[in-house]
Amino acid sequence: MDQDKLYTLALRLAIHPGAPNVQDPQLLVERLPDTLPVPLPLPEEYTILGSLVSSPGSMQIFLDIPNTNGEIQDFYQRELPAAGWILPEEDIHMRRGGFIQSRHDLNYLSYTYSNHEWTLTIQTTTTTSRNTDVRLQLYKDELARRQRRRIRRHGPDMFTLFPALTSPQGASQIGGNSGSSGNDVYTTATLKLQEESNIVDVSKHYTDQLLLAGWNPLKDEQSPHSAWSSWHFSDKEGDEWNATFYLFELAEKPHHYQLSLQANLKDINV
């Protein structure tokens, strides 16, 4: 097989057609990039599969790491801030409220460096060999930094309205859909318990968190497989909102629940 043609094919497959700012791309087998423009912590044990350098300001690194997804998340959440990396503003907003995804279910991290000039994303996937496929993408983010400054949110921001809602101890909570439209805002998640639990107890776990956030309960109702409750609260600007929390057990999946929290701004008589 012609190695030059194989290299050309692999490089062409790796770079999306029309990708901006591609400059003298290189595919490095079993090698890190010759120069890393920013500090990049790596675990003690890893296998370097290779790197794709699209330009001096854009590169990807492909690793196999003999650690669990959670251990790798812990490593980067500990070592990156120590090396000067910070969370992007949008990630900080995402951590403020709504259904908080269980840490061990996360497979994606994002950090910025040098006043948001550089962005690092980390994607992890468990492989059949029990290693974790780790993909580090590092790129200079000058354009995105300017765009972030121009962004204006349309409609209410759920992450400033909703309190952070965590799962019961030992359970797994994975975020679903979320968004806002006009004066409405919503978020959903899927909850997986380790063992069977009463629907009333599951509902109480979340409603206790809403009470702790200062929300006022209005009505509630439970059935063997679902529960809902309605609420009233005021935001930081003093605007009043009505909200509904709802959960139901998924019939086809034992110990799985669908969670929903939605709010709408109360009508203001002018």
C-alpha atoms as a PDB file:
ATOM      1  CA  MET A   1       0.000   0.000   0.000  1.00  0.00           C
ATOM      2  CA  ASP A   2       1.275   3.472  -0.920  1.00  0.00           C
ATOM      3  CA  GLN A   3       1.994   5.150   2.442  1.00  0.00           C
ATOM      4  CA  ASP A   4       1.899   8.648   0.945  1.00  0.00           C
ATOM      5  CA  LYS A   5      -1.565   8.064  -0.498  1.00  0.00           C
ATOM      6  CA  LEU A   6      -2.735   6.533   2.777  1.00  0.00           C
ATOM      7  CA  TYR A   7      -1.476   9.588   4.668  1.00  0.00           C
ATOM      8  CA  THR A   8      -3.180  11.946   2.208  1.00  0.00           C
ATOM      9  CA  LEU A   9      -6.461  10.040   2.525  1.00  0.00           C
ATOM     10  CA  ALA A  10      -6.322  10.017   6.339  1.00  0.00           C
ATOM     11  CA  LEU A  11      -5.566  13.740   6.428  1.00  0.00           C
ATOM     12  CA  ARG A  12      -8.395  14.516   4.036  1.00  0.00           C
ATOM     13  CA  LEU A  13     -10.846  12.450   6.098  1.00  0.00           C
ATOM     14  CA  ALA A  14      -9.734  14.197   9.280  1.00  0.00           C
ATOM     15  CA  ILE A  15     -10.299  17.747   8.042  1.00  0.00           C
ATOM     16  CA  HIS A  16     -13.823  18.849   7.197  1.00  0.00           C
ATOM     17  CA  PRO A  17     -14.184  20.333   3.690  1.00  0.00           C
ATOM     18  CA  GLY A  18     -14.269  24.107   3.877  1.00  0.00           C
ATOM     19  CA  ALA A  19     -12.919  24.207   7.424  1.00  0.00           C
ATOM     20  CA  PRO A  20     -11.661  27.763   8.080  1.00  0.00           C
ATOM     21  CA  ASN A  21      -8.073  28.734   8.849  1.00  0.00           C
ATOM     22  CA  VAL A  22      -6.510  25.439   7.758  1.00  0.00           C
ATOM     23  CA  GLN A  23      -2.795  26.062   7.280  1.00  0.00           C
ATOM     24  CA  ASP A  24      -0.247  23.377   6.379  1.00  0.00           C
ATOM     25  CA  PRO A  25      -2.159  20.553   8.151  1.00  0.00           C
ATOM     26  CA  GLN A  26      -0.227  17.631   9.625  1.00  0.00           C
ATOM     27  CA  LEU A  27      -1.253  14.200  10.872  1.00  0.00           C
ATOM     28  CA  LEU A  28       1.228  12.989  13.501  1.00  0.00           C
ATOM     29  CA  VAL A  29       1.131   9.257  14.256  1.00  0.00           C
ATOM     30  CA  GLU A  30       1.951   8.342  17.881  1.00  0.00           C
ATOM     31  CA  ARG A  31       3.180  11.888  18.489  1.00  0.00           C
ATOM     32  CA  LEU A  32       2.107  14.990  20.322  1.00  0.00           C
ATOM     33  CA  PRO A  33       2.334  18.290  18.430  1.00  0.00           C
ATOM     34  CA  ASP A  34       5.903  19.555  18.324  1.00  0.00           C
ATOM     35  CA  THR A  35       4.871  22.760  20.089  1.00  0.00           C
ATOM     36  CA  LEU A  36       2.022  23.252  22.543  1.00  0.00           C
ATOM     37  CA  PRO A  37       1.155  26.962  22.799  1.00  0.00           C
ATOM     38  CA  VAL A  38      -0.410  26.652  26.265  1.00  0.00           C
ATOM     39  CA  PRO A  39       0.042  24.445  29.360  1.00  0.00           C
ATOM     40  CA  LEU A  40      -1.693  21.103  28.804  1.00  0.00           C
ATOM     41  CA  PRO A  41      -1.716  18.629  31.725  1.00  0.00           C
ATOM     42  CA  LEU A  42      -1.596  14.931  30.790  1.00  0.00           C
ATOM     43  CA  PRO A  43      -2.157  11.943  33.115  1.00  0.00           C
ATOM     44  CA  GLU A  44       0.811   9.863  34.243  1.00  0.00           C
ATOM     45  CA  GLU A  45      -0.309   6.919  32.106  1.00  0.00           C
ATOM     46  CA  TYR A  46      -1.551   7.334  28.561  1.00  0.00           C
ATOM     47  CA  THR A  47      -1.007   6.036  25.047  1.00  0.00           C
ATOM     48  CA  ILE A  48      -0.679   8.692  22.375  1.00  0.00           C
ATOM     49  CA  LEU A  49      -2.440   7.526  19.210  1.00  0.00           C
ATOM     50  CA  GLY A  50      -1.650  10.667  17.297  1.00  0.00           C
ATOM     51  CA  SER A  51      -2.369  14.326  16.696  1.00  0.00           C
ATOM     52  CA  LEU A  52      -3.995  16.411  13.994  1.00  0.00           C
ATOM     53  CA  VAL A  53      -2.524  19.897  13.599  1.00  0.00           C
ATOM     54  CA  SER A  54      -4.791  21.894  11.282  1.00  0.00           C
ATOM     55  CA  SER A  55      -2.906  25.146  11.873  1.00  0.00           C
ATOM     56  CA  PRO A  56      -0.763  26.737  14.607  1.00  0.00           C
ATOM     57  CA  GLY A  57      -4.028  27.776  16.249  1.00  0.00           C
ATOM     58  CA  SER A  58      -5.983  24.520  15.945  1.00  0.00           C
ATOM     59  CA  MET A  59      -4.993  20.994  16.932  1.00  0.00           C
ATOM     60  CA  GLN A  60      -6.449  17.730  18.224  1.00  0.00           C
ATOM     61  CA  ILE A  61      -4.771  15.058  20.343  1.00  0.00           C
ATOM     62  CA  PHE A  62      -6.029  11.461  20.512  1.00  0.00           C
ATOM     63  CA  LEU A  63      -5.205   9.411  23.621  1.00  0.00           C
ATOM     64  CA  ASP A  64      -6.044   6.052  25.173  1.00  0.00           C
ATOM     65  CA  ILE A  65      -6.010   6.301  28.973  1.00  0.00           C
ATOM     66  CA  PRO A  66      -6.341   3.276  31.327  1.00  0.00           C
ATOM     67  CA  ASN A  67      -8.626   5.139  33.736  1.00  0.00           C
ATOM     68  CA  THR A  68     -12.374   5.434  34.107  1.00  0.00           C
ATOM     69  CA  ASN A  69     -14.310   8.345  32.698  1.00  0.00           C
ATOM     70  CA  GLY A  70     -14.886   9.691  36.211  1.00  0.00           C
ATOM     71  CA  GLU A  71     -11.179   9.508  37.088  1.00  0.00           C
ATOM     72  CA  ILE A  72     -10.259  11.406  33.936  1.00  0.00           C
ATOM     73  CA  GLN A  73     -12.911  14.038  34.654  1.00  0.00           C
ATOM     74  CA  ASP A  74     -11.505  14.409  38.174  1.00  0.00           C
ATOM     75  CA  PHE A  75      -7.962  14.771  36.815  1.00  0.00           C
ATOM     76  CA  TYR A  76      -8.789  17.567  34.394  1.00  0.00           C
ATOM     77  CA  GLN A  77     -11.159  19.374  36.755  1.00  0.00           C
ATOM     78  CA  ARG A  78      -8.307  19.423  39.274  1.00  0.00           C
ATOM     79  CA  GLU A  79      -5.261  20.027  37.078  1.00  0.00           C
ATOM     80  CA  LEU A  80      -6.582  22.487  34.497  1.00  0.00           C
ATOM     81  CA  PRO A  81      -7.532  25.239  36.994  1.00  0.00           C
ATOM     82  CA  ALA A  82      -4.143  24.729  38.674  1.00  0.00           C
ATOM     83  CA  ALA A  83      -2.502  25.378  35.281  1.00  0.00           C
ATOM     84  CA  GLY A  84      -4.466  28.589  34.729  1.00  0.00           C
ATOM     85  CA  TRP A  85      -7.479  27.320  32.777  1.00  0.00           C
ATOM     86  CA  ILE A  86     -10.955  28.614  33.658  1.00  0.00           C
ATOM     87  CA  LEU A  87     -14.531  27.649  32.811  1.00  0.00           C
ATOM     88  CA  PRO A  88     -16.152  29.602  29.961  1.00  0.00           C
ATOM     89  CA  GLU A  89     -18.853  32.020  31.039  1.00  0.00           C
ATOM     90  CA  GLU A  90     -21.568  29.945  29.377  1.00  0.00           C
ATOM     91  CA  ASP A  91     -20.492  26.849  31.327  1.00  0.00           C
ATOM     92  CA  ILE A  92     -20.666  28.823  34.554  1.00  0.00           C
ATOM     93  CA  HIS A  93     -24.221  29.882  33.659  1.00  0.00           C
ATOM     94  CA  MET A  94     -25.106  26.268  32.870  1.00  0.00           C
ATOM     95  CA  ARG A  95     -24.006  25.192  36.338  1.00  0.00           C
ATOM     96  CA  ARG A  96     -26.263  27.706  38.070  1.00  0.00           C
ATOM     97  CA  GLY A  97     -29.597  26.011  37.791  1.00  0.00           C
ATOM     98  CA  GLY A  98     -31.887  23.460  36.259  1.00  0.00           C
ATOM     99  CA  PHE A  99     -31.258  19.726  36.484  1.00  0.00           C
ATOM    100  CA  ILE A 100     -27.572  19.178  37.243  1.00  0.00           C
ATOM    101  CA  GLN A 101     -26.123  16.235  35.343  1.00  0.00           C
ATOM    102  CA  SER A 102     -24.453  13.617  37.527  1.00  0.00           C
ATOM    103  CA  ARG A 103     -20.677  14.060  37.346  1.00  0.00           C
ATOM    104  CA  HIS A 104     -19.932  10.462  36.397  1.00  0.00           C
ATOM    105  CA  ASP A 105     -22.243  10.793  33.359  1.00  0.00           C
ATOM    106  CA  LEU A 106     -20.350  13.740  31.897  1.00  0.00           C
ATOM    107  CA  ASN A 107     -18.218  12.996  28.847  1.00  0.00           C
ATOM    108  CA  TYR A 108     -17.374  16.543  27.813  1.00  0.00           C
ATOM    109  CA  LEU A 109     -15.447  19.388  29.422  1.00  0.00           C
ATOM    110  CA  SER A 110     -14.565  22.840  28.125  1.00  0.00           C
ATOM    111  CA  TYR A 111     -12.050  25.353  29.505  1.00  0.00           C
ATOM    112  CA  THR A 112     -10.496  28.601  28.304  1.00  0.00           C
ATOM    113  CA  TYR A 113      -7.040  30.107  28.789  1.00  0.00           C
ATOM    114  CA  SER A 114      -5.425  33.544  28.504  1.00  0.00           C
ATOM    115  CA  ASN A 115      -8.537  35.733  28.679  1.00  0.00           C
ATOM    116  CA  HIS A 116     -10.567  33.277  26.564  1.00  0.00           C
ATOM    117  CA  GLU A 117      -8.004  33.437  23.752  1.00  0.00           C
ATOM    118  CA  TRP A 118      -7.579  29.646  23.765  1.00  0.00           C
ATOM    119  CA  THR A 119     -10.267  27.005  24.224  1.00  0.00           C
ATOM    120  CA  LEU A 120      -9.713  23.376  25.215  1.00  0.00           C
ATOM    121  CA  THR A 121     -12.439  20.761  24.868  1.00  0.00           C
ATOM    122  CA  ILE A 122     -12.101  17.252  26.295  1.00  0.00           C
ATOM    123  CA  GLN A 123     -14.324  14.422  25.075  1.00  0.00           C
ATOM    124  CA  THR A 124     -14.185  10.973  26.676  1.00  0.00           C
ATOM    125  CA  THR A 125     -15.664   7.631  25.595  1.00  0.00           C
ATOM    126  CA  THR A 126     -15.181   4.206  27.174  1.00  0.00           C
ATOM    127  CA  THR A 127     -13.845   1.673  24.653  1.00  0.00           C
ATOM    128  CA  THR A 128     -14.327  -2.092  24.449  1.00  0.00           C
ATOM    129  CA  SER A 129     -10.743  -2.551  25.682  1.00  0.00           C
ATOM    130  CA  ARG A 130     -11.746  -0.809  28.934  1.00  0.00           C
ATOM    131  CA  ASN A 131      -9.507   2.112  28.121  1.00  0.00           C
ATOM    132  CA  THR A 132     -11.028   5.553  27.747  1.00  0.00           C
ATOM    133  CA  ASP A 133     -10.846   7.228  24.355  1.00  0.00           C
ATOM    134  CA  VAL A 134      -9.828  10.826  25.166  1.00  0.00           C
ATOM    135  CA  ARG A 135      -9.895  13.533  22.501  1.00  0.00           C
ATOM    136  CA  LEU A 136      -8.386  16.906  23.306  1.00  0.00           C
ATOM    137  CA  GLN A 137      -9.200  19.762  20.953  1.00  0.00           C
ATOM    138  CA  LEU A 138      -7.203  22.956  21.370  1.00  0.00           C
ATOM    139  CA  TYR A 139      -7.921  26.034  19.308  1.00  0.00           C
ATOM    140  CA  LYS A 140      -7.334  29.757  19.326  1.00  0.00           C
ATOM    141  CA  ASP A 141     -10.720  31.286  19.889  1.00  0.00           C
ATOM    142  CA  GLU A 142     -10.339  34.949  19.017  1.00  0.00           C
ATOM    143  CA  LEU A 143     -13.410  34.997  16.774  1.00  0.00           C
ATOM    144  CA  ALA A 144     -15.592  33.139  19.285  1.00  0.00           C
ATOM    145  CA  ARG A 145     -14.394  35.483  22.042  1.00  0.00           C
ATOM    146  CA  ARG A 146     -15.548  38.498  20.042  1.00  0.00           C
ATOM    147  CA  GLN A 147     -18.822  36.782  19.231  1.00  0.00           C
ATOM    148  CA  ARG A 148     -19.471  36.024  22.910  1.00  0.00           C
ATOM    149  CA  ARG A 149     -19.186  39.719  23.684  1.00  0.00           C
ATOM    150  CA  ARG A 150     -21.870  40.492  21.100  1.00  0.00           C
ATOM    151  CA  ILE A 151     -24.312  37.780  22.158  1.00  0.00           C
ATOM    152  CA  ARG A 152     -27.516  39.023  23.768  1.00  0.00           C
ATOM    153  CA  ARG A 153     -29.866  36.440  25.168  1.00  0.00           C
ATOM    154  CA  HIS A 154     -33.379  36.385  23.750  1.00  0.00           C
ATOM    155  CA  GLY A 155     -35.969  35.535  26.361  1.00  0.00           C
ATOM    156  CA  PRO A 156     -35.367  34.542  29.979  1.00  0.00           C
ATOM    157  CA  ASP A 157     -32.267  32.579  30.930  1.00  0.00           C
ATOM    158  CA  MET A 158     -33.294  29.431  32.765  1.00  0.00           C
ATOM    159  CA  PHE A 159     -29.931  29.089  34.462  1.00  0.00           C
ATOM    160  CA  THR A 160     -30.523  32.299  36.407  1.00  0.00           C
ATOM    161  CA  LEU A 161     -34.175  31.494  37.111  1.00  0.00           C
ATOM    162  CA  PHE A 162     -34.006  27.890  38.262  1.00  0.00           C
ATOM    163  CA  PRO A 163     -32.168  26.646  41.338  1.00  0.00           C
ATOM    164  CA  ALA A 164     -29.657  23.844  40.853  1.00  0.00           C
ATOM    165  CA  LEU A 165     -31.532  20.545  41.201  1.00  0.00           C
ATOM    166  CA  THR A 166     -29.340  17.575  42.053  1.00  0.00           C
ATOM    167  CA  SER A 167     -30.268  13.898  41.917  1.00  0.00           C
ATOM    168  CA  PRO A 168     -30.801  11.653  44.961  1.00  0.00           C
ATOM    169  CA  GLN A 169     -27.625  10.131  46.377  1.00  0.00           C
ATOM    170  CA  GLY A 170     -26.292   7.348  44.164  1.00  0.00           C
ATOM    171  CA  ALA A 171     -28.697   8.132  41.317  1.00  0.00           C
ATOM    172  CA  SER A 172     -27.792   9.156  37.779  1.00  0.00           C
ATOM    173  CA  GLN A 173     -29.301  12.311  36.288  1.00  0.00           C
ATOM    174  CA  ILE A 174     -28.793  13.180  32.618  1.00  0.00           C
ATOM    175  CA  GLY A 175     -29.902  16.497  31.160  1.00  0.00           C
ATOM    176  CA  GLY A 176     -32.387  16.530  28.298  1.00  0.00           C
ATOM    177  CA  ASN A 177     -33.974  19.411  26.399  1.00  0.00           C
ATOM    178  CA  SER A 178     -34.006  22.978  27.638  1.00  0.00           C
ATOM    179  CA  GLY A 179     -34.724  26.409  26.284  1.00  0.00           C
ATOM    180  CA  SER A 180     -36.852  29.524  26.387  1.00  0.00           C
ATOM    181  CA  SER A 181     -39.385  31.257  24.191  1.00  0.00           C
ATOM    182  CA  GLY A 182     -40.877  34.623  24.929  1.00  0.00           C
ATOM    183  CA  ASN A 183     -41.826  34.570  28.599  1.00  0.00           C
ATOM    184  CA  ASP A 184     -41.589  30.784  28.996  1.00  0.00           C
ATOM    185  CA  VAL A 185     -38.606  28.689  30.020  1.00  0.00           C
ATOM    186  CA  TYR A 186     -38.191  24.944  30.539  1.00  0.00           C
ATOM    187  CA  THR A 187     -35.697  22.175  31.229  1.00  0.00           C
ATOM    188  CA  THR A 188     -35.929  18.370  31.304  1.00  0.00           C
ATOM    189  CA  ALA A 189     -33.816  15.458  32.483  1.00  0.00           C
ATOM    190  CA  THR A 190     -33.847  11.688  32.888  1.00  0.00           C
ATOM    191  CA  LEU A 191     -33.301  10.183  36.340  1.00  0.00           C
ATOM    192  CA  LYS A 192     -32.083   6.633  36.949  1.00  0.00           C
ATOM    193  CA  LEU A 193     -32.279   5.255  40.488  1.00  0.00           C
ATOM    194  CA  GLN A 194     -30.174   2.359  41.729  1.00  0.00           C
ATOM    195  CA  GLU A 195     -33.175   0.734  43.388  1.00  0.00           C
ATOM    196  CA  GLU A 196     -36.939   1.036  43.497  1.00  0.00           C
ATOM    197  CA  SER A 197     -38.297   4.071  45.331  1.00  0.00           C
ATOM    198  CA  ASN A 198     -41.696   5.520  46.163  1.00  0.00           C
ATOM    199  CA  ILE A 199     -42.810   8.243  43.730  1.00  0.00           C
ATOM    200  CA  VAL A 200     -43.644  10.473  46.700  1.00  0.00           C
ATOM    201  CA  ASP A 201     -40.081  10.233  48.025  1.00  0.00           C
ATOM    202  CA  VAL A 202     -38.579  10.993  44.626  1.00  0.00           C
ATOM    203  CA  SER A 203     -40.829  14.016  44.198  1.00  0.00           C
ATOM    204  CA  LYS A 204     -40.048  15.237  47.718  1.00  0.00           C
ATOM    205  CA  HIS A 205     -36.320  15.135  46.999  1.00  0.00           C
ATOM    206  CA  TYR A 206     -36.801  17.778  44.296  1.00  0.00           C
ATOM    207  CA  THR A 207     -39.573  19.829  45.887  1.00  0.00           C
ATOM    208  CA  ASP A 208     -37.460  20.196  49.034  1.00  0.00           C
ATOM    209  CA  GLN A 209     -34.801  21.843  46.853  1.00  0.00           C
ATOM    210  CA  LEU A 210     -37.390  24.222  45.390  1.00  0.00           C
ATOM    211  CA  LEU A 211     -38.572  25.117  48.890  1.00  0.00           C
ATOM    212  CA  LEU A 212     -34.983  25.730  49.944  1.00  0.00           C
ATOM    213  CA  ALA A 213     -34.615  28.138  47.006  1.00  0.00           C
ATOM    214  CA  GLY A 214     -37.530  30.185  48.324  1.00  0.00           C
ATOM    215  CA  TRP A 215     -40.189  28.981  45.901  1.00  0.00           C
ATOM    216  CA  ASN A 216     -43.766  28.967  47.222  1.00  0.00           C
ATOM    217  CA  PRO A 217     -45.862  25.807  46.677  1.00  0.00           C
ATOM    218  CA  LEU A 218     -49.385  26.195  45.295  1.00  0.00           C
ATOM    219  CA  LYS A 219     -50.794  22.744  44.469  1.00  0.00           C
ATOM    220  CA  ASP A 220     -49.526  19.192  44.171  1.00  0.00           C
ATOM    221  CA  GLU A 221     -50.776  15.746  43.260  1.00  0.00           C
ATOM    222  CA  GLN A 222     -49.311  12.237  43.220  1.00  0.00           C
ATOM    223  CA  SER A 223     -50.322   8.971  41.589  1.00  0.00           C
ATOM    224  CA  PRO A 224     -48.532   5.598  41.729  1.00  0.00           C
ATOM    225  CA  HIS A 225     -46.322   6.481  38.746  1.00  0.00           C
ATOM    226  CA  SER A 226     -46.295  10.273  38.473  1.00  0.00           C
ATOM    227  CA  ALA A 227     -46.334  13.471  40.493  1.00  0.00           C
ATOM    228  CA  TRP A 228     -46.642  17.188  39.809  1.00  0.00           C
ATOM    229  CA  SER A 229     -46.586  20.389  41.791  1.00  0.00           C
ATOM    230  CA  SER A 230     -47.184  24.048  40.944  1.00  0.00           C
ATOM    231  CA  TRP A 231     -45.163  26.943  42.324  1.00  0.00           C
ATOM    232  CA  HIS A 232     -44.768  30.698  42.499  1.00  0.00           C
ATOM    233  CA  PHE A 233     -41.495  32.596  42.808  1.00  0.00           C
ATOM    234  CA  SER A 234     -39.893  35.968  42.121  1.00  0.00           C
ATOM    235  CA  ASP A 235     -36.650  36.471  40.224  1.00  0.00           C
ATOM    236  CA  LYS A 236     -33.816  38.851  41.108  1.00  0.00           C
ATOM    237  CA  GLU A 237     -35.492  41.705  39.229  1.00  0.00           C
ATOM    238  CA  GLY A 238     -38.690  41.227  41.212  1.00  0.00           C
ATOM    239  CA  ASP A 239     -40.682  39.753  38.329  1.00  0.00           C
ATOM    240  CA  GLU A 240     -43.147  37.048  39.360  1.00  0.00           C
ATOM    241  CA  TRP A 241     -43.241  33.595  37.809  1.00  0.00           C
ATOM    242  CA  ASN A 242     -45.506  30.556  37.924  1.00  0.00           C
ATOM    243  CA  ALA A 243     -43.819  27.171  37.580  1.00  0.00           C
ATOM    244  CA  THR A 244     -44.674  23.482  37.359  1.00  0.00           C
ATOM    245  CA  PHE A 245     -42.483  20.561  38.363  1.00  0.00           C
ATOM    246  CA  TYR A 246     -43.479  17.199  36.907  1.00  0.00           C
ATOM    247  CA  LEU A 247     -42.054  13.690  37.013  1.00  0.00           C
ATOM    248  CA  PHE A 248     -43.276  10.350  35.773  1.00  0.00           C
ATOM    249  CA  GLU A 249     -41.905   6.827  35.809  1.00  0.00           C
ATOM    250  CA  LEU A 250     -40.920   5.374  32.428  1.00  0.00           C
ATOM    251  CA  ALA A 251     -42.920   2.168  32.037  1.00  0.00           C
ATOM    252  CA  GLU A 252     -40.434   0.476  29.713  1.00  0.00           C
ATOM    253  CA  LYS A 253     -37.419   1.264  31.933  1.00  0.00           C
ATOM    254  CA  PRO A 254     -37.518   0.202  35.590  1.00  0.00           C
ATOM    255  CA  HIS A 255     -36.218   2.824  38.043  1.00  0.00           C
ATOM    256  CA  HIS A 256     -36.127   5.487  35.280  1.00  0.00           C
ATOM    257  CA  TYR A 257     -38.025   8.782  35.567  1.00  0.00           C
ATOM    258  CA  GLN A 258     -38.596  11.728  33.255  1.00  0.00           C
ATOM    259  CA  LEU A 259     -38.233  15.104  34.994  1.00  0.00           C
ATOM    260  CA  SER A 260     -39.594  18.425  33.785  1.00  0.00           C
ATOM    261  CA  LEU A 261     -39.503  21.953  35.191  1.00  0.00           C
ATOM    262  CA  GLN A 262     -41.134  24.843  33.349  1.00  0.00           C
ATOM    263  CA  ALA A 263     -41.941  28.422  34.277  1.00  0.00           C
ATOM    264  CA  ASN A 264     -43.838  31.307  32.718  1.00  0.00           C
ATOM    265  CA  LEU A 265     -43.787  34.988  33.557  1.00  0.00           C
ATOM    266  CA  LYS A 266     -47.009  36.200  35.164  1.00  0.00           C
ATOM    267  CA  ASP A 267     -49.062  38.653  33.136  1.00  0.00           C
ATOM    268  CA  ILE A 268     -48.413  42.257  34.077  1.00  0.00           C
ATOM    269  CA  ASN A 269     -51.379  44.609  33.902  1.00  0.00           C
ATOM    270  CA  VAL A 270     -50.263  48.001  32.581  1.00  0.00           C
END
